């Protein structure tokens, strides 16, 4: 059930809001507009070359941050350049070198592996 006191408070609030909205303006709209626009011209406009300098500085900072924060050359490519490949294996073995510490060997067999069936 709705609370009758709540409805009374709501209707009282709405009545007071309508009365507040119906009050006359203190300052006419045209006078208020003129005051605001007069204050806007007092604000100093930024110098165009200052914007250009700020944009150039931002670009330089972004380039430096990207250059410094970029990861170095991958260790794997350095290992490949030195020729440190895994030792030669059987022709039925596929070798994937993921990184300098991880090498994956896939053993392929015609009848599956001896332990767990088809590989």
Protein backbone atom coordinates (compact mmCIF):
# COMPACT_ATOMS: atom_id res chain seq x y z
CA UNK A 1 0.00 0.00 0.00
CA UNK A 2 1.10 3.53 -0.63
CA UNK A 3 1.89 5.74 2.27
CA UNK A 4 -0.53 8.73 2.39
CA UNK A 5 2.13 10.93 4.03
CA UNK A 6 4.49 10.25 1.12
CA UNK A 7 1.84 11.30 -1.40
CA UNK A 8 1.18 14.50 0.58
CA UNK A 9 4.90 15.33 0.61
CA UNK A 10 5.21 14.63 -3.10
CA UNK A 11 2.26 16.79 -4.03
CA UNK A 12 3.54 19.57 -1.75
CA UNK A 13 6.97 19.40 -3.41
CA UNK A 14 5.41 19.54 -6.89
CA UNK A 15 3.32 22.57 -5.90
CA UNK A 16 6.37 24.38 -4.53
CA UNK A 17 8.37 23.52 -7.68
CA UNK A 18 5.62 24.91 -9.92
CA UNK A 19 5.49 28.10 -7.81
CA UNK A 20 9.28 28.47 -8.06
CA UNK A 21 9.21 27.95 -11.84
CA UNK A 22 6.47 30.55 -12.27
CA UNK A 23 8.36 33.32 -10.48
CA UNK A 24 9.46 36.30 -12.60
CA UNK A 25 13.04 36.52 -13.84
CA UNK A 26 15.46 38.74 -11.90
CA UNK A 27 17.40 39.63 -15.04
CA UNK A 28 15.90 39.69 -18.52
CA UNK A 29 17.33 37.06 -20.86
CA UNK A 30 18.75 39.63 -23.30
CA UNK A 31 20.65 41.43 -20.51
CA UNK A 32 22.03 38.14 -19.15
CA UNK A 33 23.15 37.15 -22.67
CA UNK A 34 24.95 40.46 -23.16
CA UNK A 35 26.75 40.09 -19.82
CA UNK A 36 27.96 36.60 -20.64
CA UNK A 37 29.13 37.47 -24.15
CA UNK A 38 30.94 40.57 -22.83
CA UNK A 39 32.87 38.38 -20.38
CA UNK A 40 33.79 35.89 -23.11
CA UNK A 41 35.73 38.50 -25.07
CA UNK A 42 37.79 39.25 -21.95
CA UNK A 43 39.15 35.71 -21.96
CA UNK A 44 42.59 35.69 -23.57
CA UNK A 45 42.77 33.70 -26.78
CA UNK A 46 45.67 31.23 -26.97
CA UNK A 47 48.45 32.18 -29.34
CA UNK A 48 48.37 30.02 -32.51
CA UNK A 49 52.10 29.29 -32.44
CA UNK A 50 51.72 28.17 -28.84
CA UNK A 51 49.26 25.50 -29.96
CA UNK A 52 51.71 24.39 -32.66
CA UNK A 53 54.56 24.21 -30.15
CA UNK A 54 52.42 22.20 -27.72
CA UNK A 55 51.45 19.78 -30.50
CA UNK A 56 55.09 19.35 -31.56
CA UNK A 57 56.14 18.75 -27.96
CA UNK A 58 53.41 16.14 -27.57
CA UNK A 59 54.55 14.33 -30.72
CA UNK A 60 58.18 14.37 -29.53
CA UNK A 61 57.20 13.00 -26.12
CA UNK A 62 55.12 10.24 -27.70
CA UNK A 63 57.99 9.26 -30.01
CA UNK A 64 60.46 9.15 -27.12
CA UNK A 65 58.09 7.14 -24.90
CA UNK A 66 57.43 4.69 -27.73
CA UNK A 67 61.13 4.35 -28.50
CA UNK A 68 62.18 3.86 -24.87
CA UNK A 69 59.23 1.62 -23.98
CA UNK A 70 59.49 -0.63 -27.03
CA UNK A 71 60.70 -4.15 -26.29
CA UNK A 72 64.20 -5.02 -27.39
CA UNK A 73 65.00 -7.60 -30.04
CA UNK A 74 63.62 -11.00 -29.24
CA UNK A 75 66.06 -13.46 -27.75
CA UNK A 76 64.76 -16.19 -30.06
CA UNK A 77 65.70 -14.30 -33.21
CA UNK A 78 69.17 -13.67 -31.81
CA UNK A 79 69.54 -17.42 -31.17
CA UNK A 80 68.41 -18.22 -34.70
CA UNK A 81 70.88 -15.66 -36.09
CA UNK A 82 73.72 -17.40 -34.22
CA UNK A 83 72.57 -20.73 -35.62
CA UNK A 84 71.68 -22.43 -32.33
CA UNK A 85 69.11 -24.85 -33.67
CA UNK A 86 68.10 -28.01 -31.86
CA UNK A 87 70.11 -31.09 -32.81
CA UNK A 88 68.95 -33.00 -35.89
CA UNK A 89 66.27 -35.55 -35.12
CA UNK A 90 64.46 -38.39 -36.79
CA UNK A 91 62.43 -37.56 -39.95
CA UNK A 92 59.22 -38.49 -38.08
CA UNK A 93 59.80 -35.76 -35.50
CA UNK A 94 58.56 -32.19 -35.86
CA UNK A 95 60.43 -29.66 -33.72
CA UNK A 96 58.99 -26.28 -32.71
CA UNK A 97 61.31 -23.87 -30.92
CA UNK A 98 59.01 -21.51 -29.03
CA UNK A 99 61.76 -19.58 -27.25
CA UNK A 100 65.27 -20.15 -25.95
CA UNK A 101 64.00 -22.33 -23.09
CA UNK A 102 61.03 -24.09 -24.71
CA UNK A 103 61.35 -26.66 -27.47
CA UNK A 104 58.38 -28.82 -28.45
CA UNK A 105 58.92 -32.19 -30.16
CA UNK A 106 56.03 -33.86 -32.03
CA UNK A 107 56.71 -37.52 -32.79
CA UNK A 108 54.78 -38.80 -35.78
CA UNK A 109 54.32 -42.52 -36.27
CA UNK A 110 52.35 -44.56 -38.80
CA UNK A 111 50.69 -46.78 -36.19
CA UNK A 112 50.51 -44.36 -33.26
CA UNK A 113 52.82 -44.20 -30.30
CA UNK A 114 53.67 -47.24 -28.26
CA UNK A 115 52.19 -45.87 -25.03
CA UNK A 116 49.00 -44.01 -25.71
CA UNK A 117 47.61 -44.77 -29.13
CA UNK A 118 47.41 -42.45 -32.09
CA UNK A 119 49.40 -39.27 -31.75
